[in-house]
């Protein structure tokens, strides 16, 4: 296996890790409106991700940095062609981080409500836009012979990509609902379980439609295996919720995300960004990659740094593993 193939796999792993972790993170943000009934319950939900949300975003930074260094042509075309949606995602992530930090800085109800509204919208919008972005990457976009995107923002709003956005929103919200049931106690935990049983079938229908569409248009044997794993895991997650097994449900909803994102990357390879104008203009792991020397240096750096980051993040989740409820929240 060539180093550019290795780095395609590593970037896929980074995106899988990001969607697995930030998926329930975004889901919790959406649930501040769907699940919580008052300020105290919203604080419970926010506190379930309070110690970890910023660490989850490290995976996005790593994925973006790795793409820039390993596949500069991919990075340049992606960020120029998808400039507006990616800028909107960036703005949402910035405002979201500020909202987490500033929400509790003042006791006034209006102050906290406004920041909680910001958390909701800046969780929902990226959850949709990531699905739209990856849907377009898999489907192919207007790339010319100079490896430049020549389409418009309107070209990105096609039915396949929009369905991808609905799938990521539904899947992340379901993942967050399961996480809320895993991390809370009392009435909010019971309501999270009921909501998961409602969201689960809706998510399954949307995900099945999108993955079948992907398989029909771009898939092969390997992607079909990933599709089956994703669907079986999602059905298992719904069943585990019904049985009151939050740990198993969270694990299986995570497997769903892992398998679904892996399927998208399997349908891409050896392309990194197909051209809808001419297959000869596709960006591939070969023509979009850095020099072998650059990839070699990056591989050594990643081999040293990645295990340390994963150990630290795993330790963080272990330290903050206990459930919380409204009884743990002091009255404002």
C-alpha atoms as a PDB file:
ATOM      1  CA  UNK A   1       0.000   0.000   0.000  1.00  0.00           C
ATOM      2  CA  UNK A   2       1.352   3.411  -1.002  1.00  0.00           C
ATOM      3  CA  UNK A   3       1.599   6.214   1.560  1.00  0.00           C
ATOM      4  CA  UNK A   4      -1.105   8.246  -0.180  1.00  0.00           C
ATOM      5  CA  UNK A   5      -3.444   5.253   0.246  1.00  0.00           C
ATOM      6  CA  UNK A   6      -2.487   5.051   3.926  1.00  0.00           C
ATOM      7  CA  UNK A   7      -3.291   8.715   4.401  1.00  0.00           C
ATOM      8  CA  UNK A   8      -6.641   8.355   2.671  1.00  0.00           C
ATOM      9  CA  UNK A   9      -7.473   5.665   5.233  1.00  0.00           C
ATOM     10  CA  UNK A  10      -6.178   7.795   8.119  1.00  0.00           C
ATOM     11  CA  UNK A  11      -8.251  10.784   7.016  1.00  0.00           C
ATOM     12  CA  UNK A  12     -11.290   8.517   6.777  1.00  0.00           C
ATOM     13  CA  UNK A  13     -10.589   7.342  10.353  1.00  0.00           C
ATOM     14  CA  UNK A  14     -10.340  10.947  11.549  1.00  0.00           C
ATOM     15  CA  UNK A  15     -13.699  11.829   9.979  1.00  0.00           C
ATOM     16  CA  UNK A  16     -15.245   8.678  11.431  1.00  0.00           C
ATOM     17  CA  UNK A  17     -13.946   9.622  14.879  1.00  0.00           C
ATOM     18  CA  UNK A  18     -15.241  13.157  14.479  1.00  0.00           C
ATOM     19  CA  UNK A  19     -18.743  12.119  13.448  1.00  0.00           C
ATOM     20  CA  UNK A  20     -18.895   9.445  16.166  1.00  0.00           C
ATOM     21  CA  UNK A  21     -17.967  11.909  18.928  1.00  0.00           C
ATOM     22  CA  UNK A  22     -19.340  15.175  17.597  1.00  0.00           C
ATOM     23  CA  UNK A  23     -22.446  13.302  16.460  1.00  0.00           C
ATOM     24  CA  UNK A  24     -23.847  12.855  19.968  1.00  0.00           C
ATOM     25  CA  UNK A  25     -22.420  16.288  20.784  1.00  0.00           C
ATOM     26  CA  UNK A  26     -24.562  17.901  18.082  1.00  0.00           C
ATOM     27  CA  UNK A  27     -27.440  15.641  19.090  1.00  0.00           C
ATOM     28  CA  UNK A  28     -27.358  16.907  22.660  1.00  0.00           C
ATOM     29  CA  UNK A  29     -27.433  20.476  21.363  1.00  0.00           C
ATOM     30  CA  UNK A  30     -30.548  19.724  19.319  1.00  0.00           C
ATOM     31  CA  UNK A  31     -32.125  17.963  22.298  1.00  0.00           C
ATOM     32  CA  UNK A  32     -31.936  21.101  24.422  1.00  0.00           C
ATOM     33  CA  UNK A  33     -35.133  22.054  22.565  1.00  0.00           C
ATOM     34  CA  UNK A  34     -36.636  18.620  21.904  1.00  0.00           C
ATOM     35  CA  UNK A  35     -36.072  16.869  25.210  1.00  0.00           C
ATOM     36  CA  UNK A  36     -35.474  19.399  27.988  1.00  0.00           C
ATOM     37  CA  UNK A  37     -38.557  20.987  29.560  1.00  0.00           C
ATOM     38  CA  UNK A  38     -36.977  23.742  31.643  1.00  0.00           C
ATOM     39  CA  UNK A  39     -33.695  25.526  32.312  1.00  0.00           C
ATOM     40  CA  UNK A  40     -32.491  22.956  34.806  1.00  0.00           C
ATOM     41  CA  UNK A  41     -32.979  20.078  32.376  1.00  0.00           C
ATOM     42  CA  UNK A  42     -31.211  22.033  29.648  1.00  0.00           C
ATOM     43  CA  UNK A  43     -28.312  22.481  32.033  1.00  0.00           C
ATOM     44  CA  UNK A  44     -28.275  18.740  32.677  1.00  0.00           C
ATOM     45  CA  UNK A  45     -28.018  18.025  28.965  1.00  0.00           C
ATOM     46  CA  UNK A  46     -25.328  20.630  28.394  1.00  0.00           C
ATOM     47  CA  UNK A  47     -23.361  19.314  31.363  1.00  0.00           C
ATOM     48  CA  UNK A  48     -23.310  15.800  29.869  1.00  0.00           C
ATOM     49  CA  UNK A  49     -21.017  17.105  27.123  1.00  0.00           C
ATOM     50  CA  UNK A  50     -19.485  20.033  29.025  1.00  0.00           C
ATOM     51  CA  UNK A  51     -16.159  18.319  29.782  1.00  0.00           C
ATOM     52  CA  UNK A  52     -15.736  16.736  26.329  1.00  0.00           C
ATOM     53  CA  UNK A  53     -17.244  18.873  23.548  1.00  0.00           C
ATOM     54  CA  UNK A  54     -14.044  20.800  22.834  1.00  0.00           C
ATOM     55  CA  UNK A  55     -11.968  17.621  22.776  1.00  0.00           C
ATOM     56  CA  UNK A  56     -14.373  16.138  20.244  1.00  0.00           C
ATOM     57  CA  UNK A  57     -13.611  18.993  17.857  1.00  0.00           C
ATOM     58  CA  UNK A  58      -9.918  18.080  17.868  1.00  0.00           C
ATOM     59  CA  UNK A  59     -10.854  15.327  15.418  1.00  0.00           C
ATOM     60  CA  UNK A  60     -12.167  17.916  12.961  1.00  0.00           C
ATOM     61  CA  UNK A  61      -9.010  20.003  13.249  1.00  0.00           C
ATOM     62  CA  UNK A  62      -6.910  16.897  12.726  1.00  0.00           C
ATOM     63  CA  UNK A  63      -8.946  15.827   9.692  1.00  0.00           C
ATOM     64  CA  UNK A  64      -8.698  19.279   8.127  1.00  0.00           C
ATOM     65  CA  UNK A  65      -4.985  19.577   8.876  1.00  0.00           C
ATOM     66  CA  UNK A  66      -4.246  16.098   7.553  1.00  0.00           C
ATOM     67  CA  UNK A  67      -6.170  16.822   4.349  1.00  0.00           C
ATOM     68  CA  UNK A  68      -4.259  20.084   3.859  1.00  0.00           C
ATOM     69  CA  UNK A  69      -0.886  18.407   4.330  1.00  0.00           C
ATOM     70  CA  UNK A  70      -1.492  15.038   2.653  1.00  0.00           C
ATOM     71  CA  UNK A  71      -3.816  16.072  -0.201  1.00  0.00           C
ATOM     72  CA  UNK A  72      -3.362  19.812  -0.865  1.00  0.00           C
ATOM     73  CA  UNK A  73      -5.225  19.704  -4.202  1.00  0.00           C
ATOM     74  CA  UNK A  74      -8.216  18.068  -2.482  1.00  0.00           C
ATOM     75  CA  UNK A  75      -8.111  20.642   0.298  1.00  0.00           C
ATOM     76  CA  UNK A  76      -7.865  23.576  -2.121  1.00  0.00           C
ATOM     77  CA  UNK A  77     -10.706  22.409  -4.356  1.00  0.00           C
ATOM     78  CA  UNK A  78     -12.937  21.408  -1.440  1.00  0.00           C
ATOM     79  CA  UNK A  79     -12.538  24.624   0.526  1.00  0.00           C
ATOM     80  CA  UNK A  80     -12.862  26.875  -2.502  1.00  0.00           C
ATOM     81  CA  UNK A  81     -15.873  25.070  -3.959  1.00  0.00           C
ATOM     82  CA  UNK A  82     -17.648  24.568  -0.630  1.00  0.00           C
ATOM     83  CA  UNK A  83     -16.567  27.925   0.744  1.00  0.00           C
ATOM     84  CA  UNK A  84     -19.962  29.254   1.892  1.00  0.00           C
ATOM     85  CA  UNK A  85     -21.286  26.089   3.603  1.00  0.00           C
ATOM     86  CA  UNK A  86     -17.924  25.412   5.247  1.00  0.00           C
ATOM     87  CA  UNK A  87     -17.722  29.035   6.397  1.00  0.00           C
ATOM     88  CA  UNK A  88     -21.206  28.707   7.871  1.00  0.00           C
ATOM     89  CA  UNK A  89     -20.124  25.550   9.705  1.00  0.00           C
ATOM     90  CA  UNK A  90     -17.044  27.346  11.032  1.00  0.00           C
ATOM     91  CA  UNK A  91     -19.113  30.299  12.259  1.00  0.00           C
ATOM     92  CA  UNK A  92     -21.524  27.895  13.954  1.00  0.00           C
ATOM     93  CA  UNK A  93     -18.705  26.065  15.710  1.00  0.00           C
ATOM     94  CA  UNK A  94     -17.219  29.342  16.931  1.00  0.00           C
ATOM     95  CA  UNK A  95     -20.552  30.660  18.225  1.00  0.00           C
ATOM     96  CA  UNK A  96     -21.312  27.260  19.753  1.00  0.00           C
ATOM     97  CA  UNK A  97     -18.076  27.239  21.708  1.00  0.00           C
ATOM     98  CA  UNK A  98     -18.705  30.779  22.946  1.00  0.00           C
ATOM     99  CA  UNK A  99     -22.256  29.794  23.945  1.00  0.00           C
ATOM    100  CA  UNK A 100     -21.040  26.908  26.092  1.00  0.00           C
ATOM    101  CA  UNK A 101     -18.596  29.186  27.903  1.00  0.00           C
ATOM    102  CA  UNK A 102     -20.754  32.309  28.257  1.00  0.00           C
ATOM    103  CA  UNK A 103     -24.184  30.814  28.998  1.00  0.00           C
ATOM    104  CA  UNK A 104     -23.567  30.590  32.742  1.00  0.00           C
ATOM    105  CA  UNK A 105     -21.604  33.834  33.104  1.00  0.00           C
ATOM    106  CA  UNK A 106     -24.716  35.797  34.093  1.00  0.00           C
ATOM    107  CA  UNK A 107     -27.840  34.658  35.975  1.00  0.00           C
ATOM    108  CA  UNK A 108     -30.462  36.544  33.931  1.00  0.00           C
ATOM    109  CA  UNK A 109     -32.976  34.229  32.250  1.00  0.00           C
ATOM    110  CA  UNK A 110     -32.892  36.092  28.933  1.00  0.00           C
ATOM    111  CA  UNK A 111     -29.096  35.886  28.817  1.00  0.00           C
ATOM    112  CA  UNK A 112     -29.067  32.138  29.354  1.00  0.00           C
ATOM    113  CA  UNK A 113     -32.021  31.516  27.031  1.00  0.00           C
ATOM    114  CA  UNK A 114     -30.315  33.373  24.171  1.00  0.00           C
ATOM    115  CA  UNK A 115     -27.125  31.340  24.524  1.00  0.00           C
ATOM    116  CA  UNK A 116     -29.146  28.126  24.770  1.00  0.00           C
ATOM    117  CA  UNK A 117     -30.914  29.068  21.530  1.00  0.00           C
ATOM    118  CA  UNK A 118     -27.495  29.592  20.000  1.00  0.00           C
ATOM    119  CA  UNK A 119     -26.420  26.117  21.133  1.00  0.00           C
ATOM    120  CA  UNK A 120     -29.492  24.598  19.503  1.00  0.00           C
ATOM    121  CA  UNK A 121     -29.093  26.299  16.125  1.00  0.00           C
ATOM    122  CA  UNK A 122     -25.319  25.941  15.966  1.00  0.00           C
ATOM    123  CA  UNK A 123     -25.739  22.223  16.619  1.00  0.00           C
ATOM    124  CA  UNK A 124     -28.556  21.682  14.118  1.00  0.00           C
ATOM    125  CA  UNK A 125     -27.075  23.631  11.189  1.00  0.00           C
ATOM    126  CA  UNK A 126     -23.671  21.859  11.074  1.00  0.00           C
ATOM    127  CA  UNK A 127     -25.397  18.498  11.562  1.00  0.00           C
ATOM    128  CA  UNK A 128     -27.283  19.137   8.315  1.00  0.00           C
ATOM    129  CA  UNK A 129     -24.466  20.781   6.377  1.00  0.00           C
ATOM    130  CA  UNK A 130     -21.938  18.001   7.004  1.00  0.00           C
ATOM    131  CA  UNK A 131     -24.326  15.540   5.397  1.00  0.00           C
ATOM    132  CA  UNK A 132     -24.879  17.878   2.441  1.00  0.00           C
ATOM    133  CA  UNK A 133     -21.114  18.344   2.019  1.00  0.00           C
ATOM    134  CA  UNK A 134     -20.247  14.658   2.083  1.00  0.00           C
ATOM    135  CA  UNK A 135     -23.209  13.833  -0.130  1.00  0.00           C
ATOM    136  CA  UNK A 136     -21.809  16.163  -2.778  1.00  0.00           C
ATOM    137  CA  UNK A 137     -18.290  14.785  -2.406  1.00  0.00           C
ATOM    138  CA  UNK A 138     -19.538  11.256  -3.055  1.00  0.00           C
ATOM    139  CA  UNK A 139     -21.925  12.278  -5.834  1.00  0.00           C
ATOM    140  CA  UNK A 140     -19.324  14.370  -7.635  1.00  0.00           C
ATOM    141  CA  UNK A 141     -19.168  18.105  -8.308  1.00  0.00           C
ATOM    142  CA  UNK A 142     -18.199  20.346 -11.205  1.00  0.00           C
ATOM    143  CA  UNK A 143     -14.404  20.155 -11.293  1.00  0.00           C
ATOM    144  CA  UNK A 144     -12.555  21.182 -14.447  1.00  0.00           C
ATOM    145  CA  UNK A 145      -9.238  20.039 -15.919  1.00  0.00           C
ATOM    146  CA  UNK A 146      -7.347  22.513 -13.688  1.00  0.00           C
ATOM    147  CA  UNK A 147      -8.746  20.827 -10.554  1.00  0.00           C
ATOM    148  CA  UNK A 148     -10.918  23.841  -9.815  1.00  0.00           C
ATOM    149  CA  UNK A 149     -14.567  23.852  -8.773  1.00  0.00           C
ATOM    150  CA  UNK A 150     -16.610  25.669 -11.416  1.00  0.00           C
ATOM    151  CA  UNK A 151     -20.105  25.138 -10.037  1.00  0.00           C
ATOM    152  CA  UNK A 152     -22.231  27.309  -7.766  1.00  0.00           C
ATOM    153  CA  UNK A 153     -23.713  26.982  -4.299  1.00  0.00           C
ATOM    154  CA  UNK A 154     -27.051  26.066  -5.898  1.00  0.00           C
ATOM    155  CA  UNK A 155     -25.405  23.001  -7.482  1.00  0.00           C
ATOM    156  CA  UNK A 156     -24.714  21.671  -3.983  1.00  0.00           C
ATOM    157  CA  UNK A 157     -28.423  21.703  -3.112  1.00  0.00           C
ATOM    158  CA  UNK A 158     -29.371  18.590  -5.053  1.00  0.00           C
ATOM    159  CA  UNK A 159     -31.807  15.890  -3.793  1.00  0.00           C
ATOM    160  CA  UNK A 160     -29.094  13.335  -2.965  1.00  0.00           C
ATOM    161  CA  UNK A 161     -27.044  15.774  -0.889  1.00  0.00           C
ATOM    162  CA  UNK A 162     -30.112  17.211   0.849  1.00  0.00           C
ATOM    163  CA  UNK A 163     -31.162  13.692   1.814  1.00  0.00           C
ATOM    164  CA  UNK A 164     -27.659  13.209   3.194  1.00  0.00           C
ATOM    165  CA  UNK A 165     -28.178  16.305   5.330  1.00  0.00           C
ATOM    166  CA  UNK A 166     -31.439  14.927   6.732  1.00  0.00           C
ATOM    167  CA  UNK A 167     -29.725  11.612   7.458  1.00  0.00           C
ATOM    168  CA  UNK A 168     -26.872  13.162   9.426  1.00  0.00           C
ATOM    169  CA  UNK A 169     -29.293  15.359  11.371  1.00  0.00           C
ATOM    170  CA  UNK A 170     -31.516  12.402  12.251  1.00  0.00           C
ATOM    171  CA  UNK A 171     -28.632  10.061  12.994  1.00  0.00           C
ATOM    172  CA  UNK A 172     -26.782  12.561  15.171  1.00  0.00           C
ATOM    173  CA  UNK A 173     -29.959  13.427  17.063  1.00  0.00           C
ATOM    174  CA  UNK A 174     -30.698   9.743  17.663  1.00  0.00           C
ATOM    175  CA  UNK A 175     -27.083   9.217  18.748  1.00  0.00           C
ATOM    176  CA  UNK A 176     -27.435  12.164  21.140  1.00  0.00           C
ATOM    177  CA  UNK A 177     -30.706  10.842  22.521  1.00  0.00           C
ATOM    178  CA  UNK A 178     -29.088   7.508  23.303  1.00  0.00           C
ATOM    179  CA  UNK A 179     -26.147   9.327  24.895  1.00  0.00           C
ATOM    180  CA  UNK A 180     -28.560  11.381  27.013  1.00  0.00           C
ATOM    181  CA  UNK A 181     -30.171   8.167  28.253  1.00  0.00           C
ATOM    182  CA  UNK A 182     -26.736   6.781  29.044  1.00  0.00           C
ATOM    183  CA  UNK A 183     -25.539   9.855  30.942  1.00  0.00           C
ATOM    184  CA  UNK A 184     -28.614  10.978  32.883  1.00  0.00           C
ATOM    185  CA  UNK A 185     -30.876   9.726  35.652  1.00  0.00           C
ATOM    186  CA  UNK A 186     -34.488  10.299  36.569  1.00  0.00           C
ATOM    187  CA  UNK A 187     -37.306  11.578  34.403  1.00  0.00           C
ATOM    188  CA  UNK A 188     -35.079  13.015  31.689  1.00  0.00           C
ATOM    189  CA  UNK A 189     -33.520   9.586  31.176  1.00  0.00           C
ATOM    190  CA  UNK A 190     -36.951   7.995  30.745  1.00  0.00           C
ATOM    191  CA  UNK A 191     -38.002  10.651  28.257  1.00  0.00           C
ATOM    192  CA  UNK A 192     -34.760  10.233  26.333  1.00  0.00           C
ATOM    193  CA  UNK A 193     -35.533   6.534  25.954  1.00  0.00           C
ATOM    194  CA  UNK A 194     -39.059   7.248  24.671  1.00  0.00           C
ATOM    195  CA  UNK A 195     -37.785   9.854  22.221  1.00  0.00           C
ATOM    196  CA  UNK A 196     -35.110   7.461  20.954  1.00  0.00           C
ATOM    197  CA  UNK A 197     -37.820   4.895  20.188  1.00  0.00           C
ATOM    198  CA  UNK A 198     -39.592   7.520  18.068  1.00  0.00           C
ATOM    199  CA  UNK A 199     -36.484   8.879  16.344  1.00  0.00           C
ATOM    200  CA  UNK A 200     -34.961   5.459  15.707  1.00  0.00           C
ATOM    201  CA  UNK A 201     -37.388   4.216  13.022  1.00  0.00           C
ATOM    202  CA  UNK A 202     -37.402   7.608  11.275  1.00  0.00           C
ATOM    203  CA  UNK A 203     -33.609   7.591  11.226  1.00  0.00           C
ATOM    204  CA  UNK A 204     -33.554   4.021   9.935  1.00  0.00           C
ATOM    205  CA  UNK A 205     -35.851   4.840   7.004  1.00  0.00           C
ATOM    206  CA  UNK A 206     -33.859   7.938   6.009  1.00  0.00           C
ATOM    207  CA  UNK A 207     -30.491   6.206   6.418  1.00  0.00           C
ATOM    208  CA  UNK A 208     -31.573   3.132   4.471  1.00  0.00           C
ATOM    209  CA  UNK A 209     -32.801   5.261   1.588  1.00  0.00           C
ATOM    210  CA  UNK A 210     -29.610   7.311   1.435  1.00  0.00           C
ATOM    211  CA  UNK A 211     -27.260   4.335   1.744  1.00  0.00           C
ATOM    212  CA  UNK A 212     -29.145   2.324  -0.878  1.00  0.00           C
ATOM    213  CA  UNK A 213     -29.011   5.319  -3.220  1.00  0.00           C
ATOM    214  CA  UNK A 214     -25.262   5.570  -2.559  1.00  0.00           C
ATOM    215  CA  UNK A 215     -24.745   1.861  -3.147  1.00  0.00           C
ATOM    216  CA  UNK A 216     -26.744   1.897  -6.372  1.00  0.00           C
ATOM    217  CA  UNK A 217     -24.847   4.853  -7.814  1.00  0.00           C
ATOM    218  CA  UNK A 218     -21.318   4.343  -6.530  1.00  0.00           C
ATOM    219  CA  UNK A 219     -21.003   1.150  -4.487  1.00  0.00           C
ATOM    220  CA  UNK A 220     -19.174  -2.148  -4.735  1.00  0.00           C
ATOM    221  CA  UNK A 221     -18.893  -5.288  -2.607  1.00  0.00           C
ATOM    222  CA  UNK A 222     -16.987  -3.611   0.229  1.00  0.00           C
ATOM    223  CA  UNK A 223     -19.443  -0.734   0.485  1.00  0.00           C
ATOM    224  CA  UNK A 224     -22.331  -3.201   0.480  1.00  0.00           C
ATOM    225  CA  UNK A 225     -20.840  -4.908   3.545  1.00  0.00           C
ATOM    226  CA  UNK A 226     -20.556  -1.527   5.269  1.00  0.00           C
ATOM    227  CA  UNK A 227     -24.177  -0.758   4.357  1.00  0.00           C
ATOM    228  CA  UNK A 228     -25.390  -4.012   5.888  1.00  0.00           C
ATOM    229  CA  UNK A 229     -23.368  -3.416   9.058  1.00  0.00           C
ATOM    230  CA  UNK A 230     -24.788   0.115   9.390  1.00  0.00           C
ATOM    231  CA  UNK A 231     -28.401  -1.002   8.978  1.00  0.00           C
ATOM    232  CA  UNK A 232     -28.093  -4.014  11.289  1.00  0.00           C
ATOM    233  CA  UNK A 233     -26.352  -1.908  13.945  1.00  0.00           C
ATOM    234  CA  UNK A 234     -29.043   0.785  13.777  1.00  0.00           C
ATOM    235  CA  UNK A 235     -31.820  -1.773  14.143  1.00  0.00           C
ATOM    236  CA  UNK A 236     -29.900  -3.296  17.050  1.00  0.00           C
ATOM    237  CA  UNK A 237     -29.525   0.120  18.661  1.00  0.00           C
ATOM    238  CA  UNK A 238     -33.290   0.683  18.496  1.00  0.00           C
ATOM    239  CA  UNK A 239     -33.886  -2.757  19.997  1.00  0.00           C
ATOM    240  CA  UNK A 240     -31.376  -2.087  22.782  1.00  0.00           C
ATOM    241  CA  UNK A 241     -33.183   1.153  23.635  1.00  0.00           C
ATOM    242  CA  UNK A 242     -36.432  -0.755  23.973  1.00  0.00           C
ATOM    243  CA  UNK A 243     -34.718  -3.246  26.271  1.00  0.00           C
ATOM    244  CA  UNK A 244     -33.316  -0.450  28.448  1.00  0.00           C
ATOM    245  CA  UNK A 245     -29.699  -1.247  27.531  1.00  0.00           C
ATOM    246  CA  UNK A 246     -28.329   2.252  26.979  1.00  0.00           C
ATOM    247  CA  UNK A 247     -24.708   1.124  26.844  1.00  0.00           C
ATOM    248  CA  UNK A 248     -25.367  -1.355  24.046  1.00  0.00           C
ATOM    249  CA  UNK A 249     -27.592   1.124  22.249  1.00  0.00           C
ATOM    250  CA  UNK A 250     -24.922   3.835  22.315  1.00  0.00           C
ATOM    251  CA  UNK A 251     -22.284   1.404  21.101  1.00  0.00           C
ATOM    252  CA  UNK A 252     -24.497   0.199  18.243  1.00  0.00           C
ATOM    253  CA  UNK A 253     -25.554   3.707  17.185  1.00  0.00           C
ATOM    254  CA  UNK A 254     -21.858   4.522  17.122  1.00  0.00           C
ATOM    255  CA  UNK A 255     -21.210   1.472  14.937  1.00  0.00           C
ATOM    256  CA  UNK A 256     -23.913   2.768  12.600  1.00  0.00           C
ATOM    257  CA  UNK A 257     -22.075   6.062  12.183  1.00  0.00           C
ATOM    258  CA  UNK A 258     -18.722   4.310  11.755  1.00  0.00           C
ATOM    259  CA  UNK A 259     -20.065   1.945   9.089  1.00  0.00           C
ATOM    260  CA  UNK A 260     -22.026   4.643   7.239  1.00  0.00           C
ATOM    261  CA  UNK A 261     -19.068   7.034   7.014  1.00  0.00           C
ATOM    262  CA  UNK A 262     -16.758   4.150   6.098  1.00  0.00           C
ATOM    263  CA  UNK A 263     -19.160   3.286   3.282  1.00  0.00           C
ATOM    264  CA  UNK A 264     -18.904   6.809   1.887  1.00  0.00           C
ATOM    265  CA  UNK A 265     -15.112   6.639   1.827  1.00  0.00           C
ATOM    266  CA  UNK A 266     -15.191   3.153   0.316  1.00  0.00           C
ATOM    267  CA  UNK A 267     -17.349   4.428  -2.536  1.00  0.00           C
ATOM    268  CA  UNK A 268     -14.906   7.294  -3.089  1.00  0.00           C
ATOM    269  CA  UNK A 269     -11.599   5.397  -3.249  1.00  0.00           C
ATOM    270  CA  UNK A 270      -9.357   5.845  -5.202  1.00  0.00           C
ATOM    271  CA  UNK A 271     -10.998   9.224  -5.832  1.00  0.00           C
ATOM    272  CA  UNK A 272     -11.033  11.894  -3.169  1.00  0.00           C
ATOM    273  CA  UNK A 273     -13.345  14.249  -5.064  1.00  0.00           C
ATOM    274  CA  UNK A 274     -14.964  13.049  -8.293  1.00  0.00           C
ATOM    275  CA  UNK A 275     -15.721  15.416 -11.158  1.00  0.00           C
ATOM    276  CA  UNK A 276     -19.255  15.336 -12.521  1.00  0.00           C
ATOM    277  CA  UNK A 277     -18.022  16.920 -15.762  1.00  0.00           C
ATOM    278  CA  UNK A 278     -15.430  14.371 -16.822  1.00  0.00           C
ATOM    279  CA  UNK A 279     -14.075  11.298 -15.027  1.00  0.00           C
ATOM    280  CA  UNK A 280     -10.614  12.146 -16.318  1.00  0.00           C
ATOM    281  CA  UNK A 281     -10.730  15.281 -14.148  1.00  0.00           C
ATOM    282  CA  UNK A 282     -11.391  13.391 -10.900  1.00  0.00           C
ATOM    283  CA  UNK A 283      -9.179  14.237  -7.955  1.00  0.00           C
ATOM    284  CA  UNK A 284      -7.586  10.983  -6.839  1.00  0.00           C
ATOM    285  CA  UNK A 285      -5.262   9.834  -4.086  1.00  0.00           C
ATOM    286  CA  UNK A 286      -2.483  10.020  -6.672  1.00  0.00           C
ATOM    287  CA  UNK A 287      -2.928  13.356  -8.419  1.00  0.00           C
ATOM    288  CA  UNK A 288      -4.095  15.251  -5.316  1.00  0.00           C
ATOM    289  CA  UNK A 289      -1.443  14.050  -2.853  1.00  0.00           C
ATOM    290  CA  UNK A 290       1.704  15.637  -1.474  1.00  0.00           C
ATOM    291  CA  UNK A 291       5.182  14.352  -2.223  1.00  0.00           C
ATOM    292  CA  UNK A 292       6.244  10.966  -0.796  1.00  0.00           C
ATOM    293  CA  UNK A 293       8.760  12.688   1.485  1.00  0.00           C
ATOM    294  CA  UNK A 294       6.028  14.896   2.999  1.00  0.00           C
ATOM    295  CA  UNK A 295       3.785  11.884   3.559  1.00  0.00           C
ATOM    296  CA  UNK A 296       6.657   9.983   5.167  1.00  0.00           C
ATOM    297  CA  UNK A 297       7.337  12.767   7.693  1.00  0.00           C
ATOM    298  CA  UNK A 298       3.624  13.072   8.418  1.00  0.00           C
ATOM    299  CA  UNK A 299       3.365   9.340   9.045  1.00  0.00           C
ATOM    300  CA  UNK A 300       6.081   9.438  11.698  1.00  0.00           C
ATOM    301  CA  UNK A 301       4.467  12.432  13.406  1.00  0.00           C
ATOM    302  CA  UNK A 302       1.043  10.790  13.369  1.00  0.00           C
ATOM    303  CA  UNK A 303       2.441   7.529  14.743  1.00  0.00           C
ATOM    304  CA  UNK A 304       3.782   9.397  17.773  1.00  0.00           C
ATOM    305  CA  UNK A 305       1.026  11.934  18.428  1.00  0.00           C
ATOM    306  CA  UNK A 306      -2.171  10.000  17.662  1.00  0.00           C
ATOM    307  CA  UNK A 307      -1.899   7.378  20.458  1.00  0.00           C
ATOM    308  CA  UNK A 308      -1.188  10.119  23.006  1.00  0.00           C
ATOM    309  CA  UNK A 309      -4.239  12.127  21.960  1.00  0.00           C
ATOM    310  CA  UNK A 310      -6.476   9.056  22.040  1.00  0.00           C
ATOM    311  CA  UNK A 311      -5.220   8.026  25.482  1.00  0.00           C
ATOM    312  CA  UNK A 312      -5.831  11.495  26.870  1.00  0.00           C
ATOM    313  CA  UNK A 313      -9.313  11.725  25.389  1.00  0.00           C
ATOM    314  CA  UNK A 314     -10.195   8.238  26.621  1.00  0.00           C
ATOM    315  CA  UNK A 315      -9.022   9.219  30.116  1.00  0.00           C
ATOM    316  CA  UNK A 316     -11.258  12.324  29.974  1.00  0.00           C
ATOM    317  CA  UNK A 317     -14.331  10.242  29.196  1.00  0.00           C
ATOM    318  CA  UNK A 318     -13.445   7.833  32.007  1.00  0.00           C
ATOM    319  CA  UNK A 319     -13.107  10.622  34.569  1.00  0.00           C
ATOM    320  CA  UNK A 320     -16.482  12.124  33.626  1.00  0.00           C
ATOM    321  CA  UNK A 321     -18.310   8.825  33.173  1.00  0.00           C
ATOM    322  CA  UNK A 322     -20.952   9.204  35.921  1.00  0.00           C
ATOM    323  CA  UNK A 323     -24.602   9.938  35.262  1.00  0.00           C
ATOM    324  CA  UNK A 324     -26.096  13.274  36.248  1.00  0.00           C
ATOM    325  CA  UNK A 325     -29.623  14.542  36.879  1.00  0.00           C
ATOM    326  CA  UNK A 326     -31.509  17.624  37.975  1.00  0.00           C
ATOM    327  CA  UNK A 327     -30.626  16.841  41.582  1.00  0.00           C
ATOM    328  CA  UNK A 328     -27.001  17.575  40.738  1.00  0.00           C
ATOM    329  CA  UNK A 329     -27.792  21.039  39.406  1.00  0.00           C
ATOM    330  CA  UNK A 330     -27.801  23.885  41.886  1.00  0.00           C
ATOM    331  CA  UNK A 331     -30.733  26.288  41.755  1.00  0.00           C
ATOM    332  CA  UNK A 332     -29.885  29.459  39.824  1.00  0.00           C
END
